[in-house]
Amino acid sequence: MNRLWVRLVLAFALVVLVAVGVVALLAGQTASQEFNRYLTYGNAWPTQEVVDLLADYFSTHGGWQGVEAVLWREPTIPEPWIGTRRGRGPGGVGLILADASGQVVYERPVNRIGRPLSADERAAARAIEVDGETVGLLVVVVPPRADFLGPLEQWFVCLLYTSDA
C-alpha cells in the first residue's frame, strides 16, 4: 500500500510539473508576441506632429492626393525617420496613412496603396480629424530593434530575440 501511494504522488507531481512547464511556455510566447505588437504599433514614436501636419494638409487640399511629397520632405518629422533615410534602413519607422474608410493612401517603406488596414493597424491608428470629422487614420510602425527605444524596451527585446534563437 505504501509503495502505491509513493507512485501516485510521483505521478501526480510529474503531471503538475509538465502542466506548469506548458503554461509557462505558452505565457512566455504570448507575452513576447504582445510586447512585439506593443513595440510595433505602440506610442514609442511621437506622432502628434505628423497628425497635425496631415490635418492641415487635408483641410488645405481637400483630400490626400499629393500627400506623399509632403511626408517625404517635411522637416517636422522626427529624427528616427530622417536618421534612417526615411524608413528605408533597418531601424526606420514606417508610416501608413489611410482614408476615413481604412483604405491605405500612403505607405512607407513598402508601397501597398489601396489595401485595407489590418485589425492590428486599425487598433493602433491615430485619427486625423478636421472640423470634428475623422478624415484619415495614421499608423506608425516601429521596428522592434529601433535605435530610439528606451533602455527597458531594448533589454526586453534583447531577451525576446535571444530566447527565440
N, C-alpha and C. Protein backbone atom coordinates (compact mmCIF):
# COMPACT_ATOMS: atom_id res chain seq x y z
N MET A 1 0.82 -1.20 0.00
CA MET A 1 0.00 0.00 0.00
C MET A 1 0.87 1.27 0.00
N ASN A 2 1.92 1.28 0.79
CA ASN A 2 2.81 2.42 0.88
C ASN A 2 3.50 2.69 -0.45
N ARG A 3 3.86 1.63 -1.15
CA ARG A 3 4.53 1.76 -2.44
C ARG A 3 3.59 2.38 -3.50
N LEU A 4 2.33 1.99 -3.50
CA LEU A 4 1.35 2.54 -4.42
C LEU A 4 1.15 4.04 -4.16
N TRP A 5 1.11 4.42 -2.91
CA TRP A 5 0.95 5.82 -2.55
C TRP A 5 2.12 6.65 -3.07
N VAL A 6 3.33 6.16 -2.96
CA VAL A 6 4.52 6.87 -3.44
C VAL A 6 4.45 7.02 -4.96
N ARG A 7 4.07 5.96 -5.65
CA ARG A 7 3.94 6.02 -7.12
C ARG A 7 2.88 7.04 -7.54
N LEU A 8 1.77 7.06 -6.85
CA LEU A 8 0.72 8.02 -7.18
C LEU A 8 1.18 9.46 -6.95
N VAL A 9 1.86 9.71 -5.85
CA VAL A 9 2.36 11.05 -5.56
C VAL A 9 3.38 11.48 -6.61
N LEU A 10 4.28 10.58 -6.99
CA LEU A 10 5.28 10.92 -8.01
C LEU A 10 4.62 11.16 -9.37
N ALA A 11 3.63 10.35 -9.72
CA ALA A 11 2.93 10.54 -11.00
C ALA A 11 2.18 11.88 -10.99
N PHE A 12 1.52 12.18 -9.88
CA PHE A 12 0.80 13.45 -9.77
C PHE A 12 1.78 14.63 -9.85
N ALA A 13 2.91 14.53 -9.19
CA ALA A 13 3.92 15.59 -9.22
C ALA A 13 4.46 15.79 -10.64
N LEU A 14 4.67 14.69 -11.36
CA LEU A 14 5.14 14.79 -12.73
C LEU A 14 4.11 15.49 -13.63
N VAL A 15 2.84 15.13 -13.46
CA VAL A 15 1.78 15.77 -14.24
C VAL A 15 1.72 17.27 -13.93
N VAL A 16 1.83 17.63 -12.67
CA VAL A 16 1.80 19.04 -12.28
C VAL A 16 3.00 19.78 -12.87
N LEU A 17 4.18 19.20 -12.82
CA LEU A 17 5.37 19.86 -13.37
C LEU A 17 5.26 20.05 -14.88
N VAL A 18 4.75 19.06 -15.58
CA VAL A 18 4.57 19.18 -17.03
C VAL A 18 3.54 20.28 -17.33
N ALA A 19 2.44 20.30 -16.59
CA ALA A 19 1.40 21.31 -16.81
C ALA A 19 1.94 22.72 -16.54
N VAL A 20 2.68 22.89 -15.46
CA VAL A 20 3.26 24.19 -15.14
C VAL A 20 4.25 24.61 -16.22
N GLY A 21 5.05 23.68 -16.71
CA GLY A 21 6.01 23.98 -17.78
C GLY A 21 5.31 24.42 -19.06
N VAL A 22 4.24 23.75 -19.44
CA VAL A 22 3.49 24.11 -20.64
C VAL A 22 2.85 25.49 -20.48
N VAL A 23 2.26 25.74 -19.33
CA VAL A 23 1.65 27.05 -19.08
C VAL A 23 2.71 28.15 -19.12
N ALA A 24 3.86 27.92 -18.52
CA ALA A 24 4.93 28.92 -18.54
C ALA A 24 5.42 29.18 -19.96
N LEU A 25 5.56 28.14 -20.75
CA LEU A 25 5.99 28.31 -22.14
C LEU A 25 4.98 29.10 -22.94
N LEU A 26 3.70 28.76 -22.80
CA LEU A 26 2.66 29.48 -23.53
C LEU A 26 2.54 30.93 -23.07
N ALA A 27 2.66 31.16 -21.78
CA ALA A 27 2.59 32.53 -21.26
C ALA A 27 3.77 33.35 -21.77
N GLY A 28 4.95 32.76 -21.83
CA GLY A 28 6.12 33.46 -22.35
C GLY A 28 5.97 33.82 -23.82
N GLN A 29 5.45 32.89 -24.61
CA GLN A 29 5.25 33.17 -26.03
C GLN A 29 4.20 34.25 -26.24
N THR A 30 3.13 34.20 -25.47
CA THR A 30 2.07 35.22 -25.59
C THR A 30 2.60 36.58 -25.19
N ALA A 31 3.34 36.64 -24.09
CA ALA A 31 3.92 37.92 -23.66
C ALA A 31 4.88 38.46 -24.72
N SER A 32 5.65 37.60 -25.32
CA SER A 32 6.58 38.00 -26.37
C SER A 32 5.84 38.57 -27.57
N GLN A 33 4.79 37.91 -28.01
CA GLN A 33 4.01 38.38 -29.15
C GLN A 33 3.34 39.72 -28.84
N GLU A 34 2.77 39.84 -27.67
CA GLU A 34 2.08 41.08 -27.31
C GLU A 34 3.06 42.23 -27.16
N PHE A 35 4.24 41.96 -26.60
CA PHE A 35 5.22 43.03 -26.46
C PHE A 35 5.74 43.46 -27.82
N ASN A 36 5.94 42.51 -28.73
CA ASN A 36 6.33 42.88 -30.09
C ASN A 36 5.26 43.73 -30.75
N ARG A 37 3.99 43.39 -30.53
CA ARG A 37 2.89 44.18 -31.08
C ARG A 37 2.91 45.59 -30.47
N TYR A 38 3.15 45.67 -29.16
CA TYR A 38 3.23 46.97 -28.50
C TYR A 38 4.36 47.81 -29.10
N LEU A 39 5.53 47.20 -29.28
CA LEU A 39 6.66 47.93 -29.83
C LEU A 39 6.39 48.37 -31.27
N THR A 40 5.73 47.51 -32.03
CA THR A 40 5.48 47.82 -33.43
C THR A 40 4.46 48.91 -33.61
N TYR A 41 3.39 48.85 -32.84
CA TYR A 41 2.30 49.80 -33.03
C TYR A 41 2.09 50.72 -31.83
N GLY A 42 3.02 50.71 -30.89
CA GLY A 42 2.85 51.49 -29.66
C GLY A 42 3.15 52.95 -29.86
N ASN A 43 3.19 53.66 -28.77
CA ASN A 43 3.44 55.10 -28.80
C ASN A 43 4.90 55.42 -28.55
N ALA A 44 5.81 54.60 -29.05
CA ALA A 44 7.23 54.82 -28.84
C ALA A 44 7.77 55.94 -29.72
N TRP A 45 6.99 56.42 -30.66
CA TRP A 45 7.43 57.44 -31.60
C TRP A 45 6.43 58.58 -31.56
N PRO A 46 6.88 59.81 -31.50
CA PRO A 46 5.94 60.93 -31.40
C PRO A 46 5.15 61.11 -32.70
N THR A 47 3.83 61.05 -32.62
CA THR A 47 3.00 61.13 -33.82
C THR A 47 2.17 62.39 -33.90
N GLN A 48 2.03 63.13 -32.82
CA GLN A 48 1.12 64.28 -32.84
C GLN A 48 1.52 65.32 -33.87
N GLU A 49 2.82 65.54 -34.04
CA GLU A 49 3.28 66.50 -35.05
C GLU A 49 2.83 66.08 -36.44
N VAL A 50 2.94 64.80 -36.73
CA VAL A 50 2.57 64.30 -38.05
C VAL A 50 1.05 64.35 -38.22
N VAL A 51 0.29 64.02 -37.16
CA VAL A 51 -1.17 64.09 -37.22
C VAL A 51 -1.60 65.53 -37.51
N ASP A 52 -1.00 66.49 -36.82
CA ASP A 52 -1.33 67.90 -37.06
C ASP A 52 -0.97 68.32 -38.48
N LEU A 53 0.19 67.90 -38.94
CA LEU A 53 0.62 68.20 -40.31
C LEU A 53 -0.38 67.65 -41.32
N LEU A 54 -0.82 66.41 -41.12
CA LEU A 54 -1.75 65.78 -42.05
C LEU A 54 -3.14 66.42 -41.99
N ALA A 55 -3.58 66.82 -40.82
CA ALA A 55 -4.87 67.51 -40.70
C ALA A 55 -4.82 68.84 -41.46
N ASP A 56 -3.72 69.57 -41.31
CA ASP A 56 -3.56 70.83 -42.06
C ASP A 56 -3.54 70.57 -43.56
N TYR A 57 -2.84 69.50 -43.97
CA TYR A 57 -2.77 69.18 -45.40
C TYR A 57 -4.16 68.87 -45.95
N PHE A 58 -4.92 68.05 -45.20
CA PHE A 58 -6.25 67.67 -45.69
C PHE A 58 -7.17 68.89 -45.77
N SER A 59 -7.12 69.75 -44.76
CA SER A 59 -8.01 70.92 -44.78
C SER A 59 -7.62 71.89 -45.89
N THR A 60 -6.35 71.96 -46.22
CA THR A 60 -5.89 72.84 -47.29
C THR A 60 -6.22 72.29 -48.67
N HIS A 61 -5.98 70.98 -48.86
CA HIS A 61 -6.11 70.38 -50.19
C HIS A 61 -7.44 69.64 -50.41
N GLY A 62 -8.19 69.38 -49.36
CA GLY A 62 -9.47 68.72 -49.51
C GLY A 62 -9.38 67.23 -49.80
N GLY A 63 -8.22 66.65 -49.66
CA GLY A 63 -8.03 65.22 -49.90
C GLY A 63 -6.59 64.83 -49.67
N TRP A 64 -6.28 63.59 -50.03
CA TRP A 64 -4.95 63.05 -49.76
C TRP A 64 -4.06 63.01 -51.00
N GLN A 65 -4.53 63.47 -52.15
CA GLN A 65 -3.69 63.43 -53.35
C GLN A 65 -2.48 64.35 -53.17
N GLY A 66 -1.30 63.79 -53.46
CA GLY A 66 -0.05 64.54 -53.34
C GLY A 66 0.56 64.54 -51.96
N VAL A 67 -0.03 63.84 -51.01
CA VAL A 67 0.47 63.85 -49.63
C VAL A 67 1.86 63.21 -49.52
N GLU A 68 2.19 62.30 -50.42
CA GLU A 68 3.49 61.64 -50.35
C GLU A 68 4.65 62.63 -50.46
N ALA A 69 4.49 63.66 -51.28
CA ALA A 69 5.56 64.66 -51.41
C ALA A 69 5.76 65.42 -50.11
N VAL A 70 4.70 65.69 -49.41
CA VAL A 70 4.79 66.42 -48.14
C VAL A 70 5.43 65.53 -47.08
N LEU A 71 5.00 64.30 -46.98
CA LEU A 71 5.55 63.40 -45.96
C LEU A 71 7.01 63.07 -46.24
N TRP A 72 7.39 63.03 -47.49
CA TRP A 72 8.76 62.68 -47.84
C TRP A 72 9.74 63.80 -47.51
N ARG A 73 9.29 65.06 -47.59
CA ARG A 73 10.20 66.19 -47.41
C ARG A 73 10.00 66.98 -46.14
N GLU A 74 8.99 66.66 -45.36
CA GLU A 74 8.62 67.50 -44.22
C GLU A 74 9.68 67.48 -43.13
N PRO A 75 10.24 68.65 -42.75
CA PRO A 75 11.27 68.69 -41.71
C PRO A 75 10.75 68.45 -40.30
N THR A 76 9.43 68.51 -40.07
CA THR A 76 8.93 68.30 -38.71
C THR A 76 8.83 66.83 -38.35
N ILE A 77 9.05 65.93 -39.32
CA ILE A 77 9.03 64.51 -38.98
C ILE A 77 10.26 64.21 -38.15
N PRO A 78 10.08 63.63 -36.97
CA PRO A 78 11.18 63.49 -36.00
C PRO A 78 12.36 62.66 -36.50
N GLU A 79 13.43 62.76 -35.77
CA GLU A 79 14.74 62.22 -36.11
C GLU A 79 14.79 60.74 -36.50
N PRO A 80 14.11 59.82 -35.82
CA PRO A 80 14.28 58.42 -36.21
C PRO A 80 13.96 58.19 -37.68
N TRP A 81 13.00 58.91 -38.21
CA TRP A 81 12.64 58.77 -39.63
C TRP A 81 13.77 59.32 -40.50
N ILE A 82 14.21 60.52 -40.21
CA ILE A 82 15.24 61.17 -41.01
C ILE A 82 16.59 60.47 -40.84
N GLY A 83 16.90 60.08 -39.61
CA GLY A 83 18.19 59.48 -39.33
C GLY A 83 18.38 58.12 -39.97
N THR A 84 17.33 57.49 -40.43
CA THR A 84 17.47 56.18 -41.06
C THR A 84 17.02 56.23 -42.51
N ARG A 85 17.30 57.32 -43.17
CA ARG A 85 16.96 57.51 -44.58
C ARG A 85 15.48 57.30 -44.82
N ARG A 86 14.68 57.87 -43.91
CA ARG A 86 13.22 57.88 -44.05
C ARG A 86 12.61 56.50 -44.22
N GLY A 87 12.95 55.61 -43.32
CA GLY A 87 12.25 54.33 -43.28
C GLY A 87 12.84 53.26 -44.16
N ARG A 88 13.88 53.56 -44.92
CA ARG A 88 14.43 52.55 -45.80
C ARG A 88 15.51 51.72 -45.12
N GLY A 89 16.05 52.21 -44.03
CA GLY A 89 17.09 51.47 -43.32
C GLY A 89 16.48 50.46 -42.36
N PRO A 90 17.30 49.63 -41.73
CA PRO A 90 16.79 48.59 -40.85
C PRO A 90 16.11 49.10 -39.60
N GLY A 91 16.45 50.29 -39.14
CA GLY A 91 15.82 50.80 -37.93
C GLY A 91 14.76 51.84 -38.20
N GLY A 92 14.36 52.02 -39.45
CA GLY A 92 13.47 53.10 -39.82
C GLY A 92 12.04 52.88 -39.39
N VAL A 93 11.35 53.99 -39.23
CA VAL A 93 9.95 53.99 -38.85
C VAL A 93 9.11 53.96 -40.12
N GLY A 94 8.05 53.19 -40.11
CA GLY A 94 7.14 53.15 -41.24
C GLY A 94 5.89 53.97 -40.94
N LEU A 95 5.33 54.57 -41.98
CA LEU A 95 4.09 55.33 -41.84
C LEU A 95 3.05 54.72 -42.76
N ILE A 96 1.85 54.58 -42.24
CA ILE A 96 0.72 54.15 -43.05
C ILE A 96 -0.37 55.20 -42.87
N LEU A 97 -0.81 55.77 -43.97
CA LEU A 97 -1.89 56.75 -43.94
C LEU A 97 -3.08 56.13 -44.68
N ALA A 98 -4.21 56.10 -44.02
CA ALA A 98 -5.43 55.58 -44.64
C ALA A 98 -6.50 56.66 -44.62
N ASP A 99 -7.43 56.56 -45.55
CA ASP A 99 -8.55 57.49 -45.54
C ASP A 99 -9.52 57.10 -44.43
N ALA A 100 -10.61 57.81 -44.30
CA ALA A 100 -11.55 57.58 -43.20
C ALA A 100 -12.15 56.18 -43.23
N SER A 101 -12.23 55.57 -44.40
CA SER A 101 -12.79 54.22 -44.51
C SER A 101 -11.78 53.12 -44.20
N GLY A 102 -10.51 53.48 -44.05
CA GLY A 102 -9.48 52.49 -43.73
C GLY A 102 -8.70 51.99 -44.93
N GLN A 103 -8.89 52.60 -46.11
CA GLN A 103 -8.12 52.22 -47.30
C GLN A 103 -6.79 52.97 -47.29
N VAL A 104 -5.70 52.28 -47.49
CA VAL A 104 -4.37 52.88 -47.44
C VAL A 104 -4.17 53.80 -48.65
N VAL A 105 -3.76 55.05 -48.37
CA VAL A 105 -3.47 56.01 -49.42
C VAL A 105 -1.98 56.34 -49.50
N TYR A 106 -1.23 55.99 -48.45
CA TYR A 106 0.22 56.21 -48.42
C TYR A 106 0.82 55.20 -47.47
N GLU A 107 1.93 54.59 -47.89
CA GLU A 107 2.61 53.64 -47.01
C GLU A 107 4.08 53.60 -47.36
N ARG A 108 4.90 53.73 -46.35
CA ARG A 108 6.34 53.61 -46.49
C ARG A 108 6.89 52.87 -45.29
N PRO A 109 7.88 52.04 -45.45
CA PRO A 109 8.80 51.88 -46.57
C PRO A 109 8.26 51.02 -47.72
N VAL A 110 7.24 50.22 -47.50
CA VAL A 110 6.66 49.45 -48.60
C VAL A 110 5.51 50.26 -49.20
N ASN A 111 5.10 49.89 -50.38
CA ASN A 111 4.07 50.66 -51.06
C ASN A 111 2.91 49.72 -51.41
N ARG A 112 1.94 49.64 -50.50
CA ARG A 112 0.76 48.79 -50.73
C ARG A 112 -0.50 49.66 -50.67
N ILE A 113 -0.55 50.62 -51.54
CA ILE A 113 -1.67 51.56 -51.58
C ILE A 113 -2.92 50.83 -52.07
N GLY A 114 -4.05 51.15 -51.43
CA GLY A 114 -5.33 50.58 -51.83
C GLY A 114 -5.79 49.41 -50.97
N ARG A 115 -4.91 48.86 -50.20
CA ARG A 115 -5.30 47.74 -49.34
C ARG A 115 -6.01 48.28 -48.10
N PRO A 116 -6.85 47.47 -47.47
CA PRO A 116 -7.47 47.91 -46.21
C PRO A 116 -6.49 47.74 -45.05
N LEU A 117 -6.65 48.54 -44.03
CA LEU A 117 -5.84 48.38 -42.82
C LEU A 117 -6.17 47.04 -42.16
N SER A 118 -5.16 46.40 -41.60
CA SER A 118 -5.40 45.17 -40.85
C SER A 118 -6.04 45.53 -39.50
N ALA A 119 -6.51 44.51 -38.80
CA ALA A 119 -7.13 44.75 -37.49
C ALA A 119 -6.12 45.37 -36.51
N ASP A 120 -4.89 44.88 -36.51
CA ASP A 120 -3.86 45.45 -35.63
C ASP A 120 -3.56 46.90 -35.99
N GLU A 121 -3.45 47.16 -37.29
CA GLU A 121 -3.18 48.53 -37.72
C GLU A 121 -4.33 49.47 -37.36
N ARG A 122 -5.54 49.00 -37.55
CA ARG A 122 -6.72 49.83 -37.23
C ARG A 122 -6.77 50.12 -35.73
N ALA A 123 -6.43 49.12 -34.92
CA ALA A 123 -6.45 49.32 -33.46
C ALA A 123 -5.38 50.31 -33.02
N ALA A 124 -4.25 50.36 -33.75
CA ALA A 124 -3.15 51.24 -33.38
C ALA A 124 -3.23 52.60 -34.05
N ALA A 125 -4.18 52.80 -34.92
CA ALA A 125 -4.24 54.03 -35.71
C ALA A 125 -4.63 55.24 -34.87
N ARG A 126 -4.04 56.37 -35.22
CA ARG A 126 -4.41 57.66 -34.64
C ARG A 126 -5.33 58.35 -35.63
N ALA A 127 -6.45 58.83 -35.16
CA ALA A 127 -7.41 59.50 -36.03
C ALA A 127 -6.90 60.88 -36.40
N ILE A 128 -7.09 61.24 -37.66
CA ILE A 128 -6.79 62.58 -38.15
C ILE A 128 -8.13 63.26 -38.35
N GLU A 129 -8.35 64.32 -37.59
CA GLU A 129 -9.64 64.98 -37.61
C GLU A 129 -9.53 66.41 -38.14
N VAL A 130 -10.53 66.77 -38.93
CA VAL A 130 -10.67 68.14 -39.43
C VAL A 130 -12.10 68.56 -39.16
N ASP A 131 -12.26 69.63 -38.42
CA ASP A 131 -13.58 70.14 -38.03
C ASP A 131 -14.43 69.07 -37.35
N GLY A 132 -13.82 68.28 -36.48
CA GLY A 132 -14.53 67.26 -35.72
C GLY A 132 -14.86 66.00 -36.48
N GLU A 133 -14.46 65.91 -37.73
CA GLU A 133 -14.74 64.73 -38.55
C GLU A 133 -13.44 63.99 -38.83
N THR A 134 -13.47 62.67 -38.68
CA THR A 134 -12.30 61.85 -38.97
C THR A 134 -12.13 61.76 -40.48
N VAL A 135 -10.99 62.24 -40.97
CA VAL A 135 -10.72 62.23 -42.40
C VAL A 135 -9.63 61.24 -42.78
N GLY A 136 -8.95 60.70 -41.78
CA GLY A 136 -7.88 59.75 -42.06
C GLY A 136 -7.42 59.06 -40.81
N LEU A 137 -6.58 58.04 -41.02
CA LEU A 137 -6.00 57.27 -39.92
C LEU A 137 -4.50 57.16 -40.16
N LEU A 138 -3.72 57.41 -39.14
CA LEU A 138 -2.27 57.32 -39.23
C LEU A 138 -1.78 56.19 -38.34
N VAL A 139 -0.99 55.30 -38.94
CA VAL A 139 -0.38 54.21 -38.19
C VAL A 139 1.13 54.38 -38.30
N VAL A 140 1.79 54.39 -37.17
CA VAL A 140 3.24 54.45 -37.14
C VAL A 140 3.74 53.05 -36.78
N VAL A 141 4.58 52.50 -37.64
CA VAL A 141 5.10 51.14 -37.44
C VAL A 141 6.56 51.26 -37.06
N VAL A 142 6.88 50.86 -35.84
CA VAL A 142 8.24 50.95 -35.32
C VAL A 142 8.85 49.56 -35.31
N PRO A 143 9.97 49.36 -36.01
CA PRO A 143 10.61 48.05 -35.95
C PRO A 143 11.10 47.76 -34.54
N PRO A 144 11.05 46.48 -34.10
CA PRO A 144 11.43 46.15 -32.74
C PRO A 144 12.86 46.52 -32.37
N ARG A 145 13.74 46.65 -33.31
CA ARG A 145 15.13 46.96 -33.00
C ARG A 145 15.48 48.43 -33.26
N ALA A 146 14.49 49.29 -33.17
CA ALA A 146 14.72 50.71 -33.45
C ALA A 146 15.68 51.31 -32.42
N ASP A 147 16.51 52.25 -32.90
CA ASP A 147 17.54 52.86 -32.05
C ASP A 147 16.98 53.72 -30.94
N PHE A 148 15.75 54.17 -31.04
CA PHE A 148 15.23 55.13 -30.08
C PHE A 148 14.35 54.49 -29.01
N LEU A 149 14.36 53.18 -28.88
CA LEU A 149 13.64 52.54 -27.79
C LEU A 149 14.35 52.85 -26.47
N GLY A 150 13.58 52.90 -25.41
CA GLY A 150 14.15 53.14 -24.10
C GLY A 150 14.96 51.95 -23.63
N PRO A 151 15.74 52.11 -22.56
CA PRO A 151 16.60 51.02 -22.09
C PRO A 151 15.83 49.78 -21.67
N LEU A 152 14.66 49.95 -21.05
CA LEU A 152 13.88 48.77 -20.65
C LEU A 152 13.34 48.03 -21.86
N GLU A 153 12.86 48.76 -22.86
CA GLU A 153 12.37 48.11 -24.08
C GLU A 153 13.51 47.40 -24.80
N GLN A 154 14.68 48.03 -24.88
CA GLN A 154 15.82 47.40 -25.53
C GLN A 154 16.22 46.12 -24.79
N TRP A 155 16.23 46.17 -23.46
CA TRP A 155 16.58 44.99 -22.67
C TRP A 155 15.59 43.86 -22.92
N PHE A 156 14.29 44.19 -22.92
CA PHE A 156 13.28 43.17 -23.13
C PHE A 156 13.36 42.59 -24.54
N VAL A 157 13.56 43.46 -25.54
CA VAL A 157 13.69 42.98 -26.91
C VAL A 157 14.91 42.07 -27.04
N CYS A 158 15.98 42.44 -26.38
CA CYS A 158 17.18 41.60 -26.40
C CYS A 158 16.86 40.22 -25.83
N LEU A 159 16.10 40.19 -24.73
CA LEU A 159 15.70 38.90 -24.15
C LEU A 159 14.81 38.12 -25.12
N LEU A 160 13.89 38.79 -25.79
CA LEU A 160 12.99 38.12 -26.73
C LEU A 160 13.76 37.46 -27.85
N TYR A 161 14.68 38.20 -28.44
CA TYR A 161 15.37 37.68 -29.61
C TYR A 161 16.42 36.65 -29.24
N THR A 162 17.00 36.72 -28.06
CA THR A 162 17.94 35.68 -27.68
C THR A 162 17.23 34.41 -27.26
N SER A 163 16.00 34.52 -26.73
CA SER A 163 15.26 33.30 -26.35
C SER A 163 14.60 32.65 -27.56
N ASP A 164 14.33 33.42 -28.64
CA ASP A 164 13.74 32.85 -29.85
C ASP A 164 14.76 32.07 -30.65
N ALA A 165 16.03 32.41 -30.52
CA ALA A 165 17.06 31.78 -31.34
C ALA A 165 17.34 30.36 -30.94
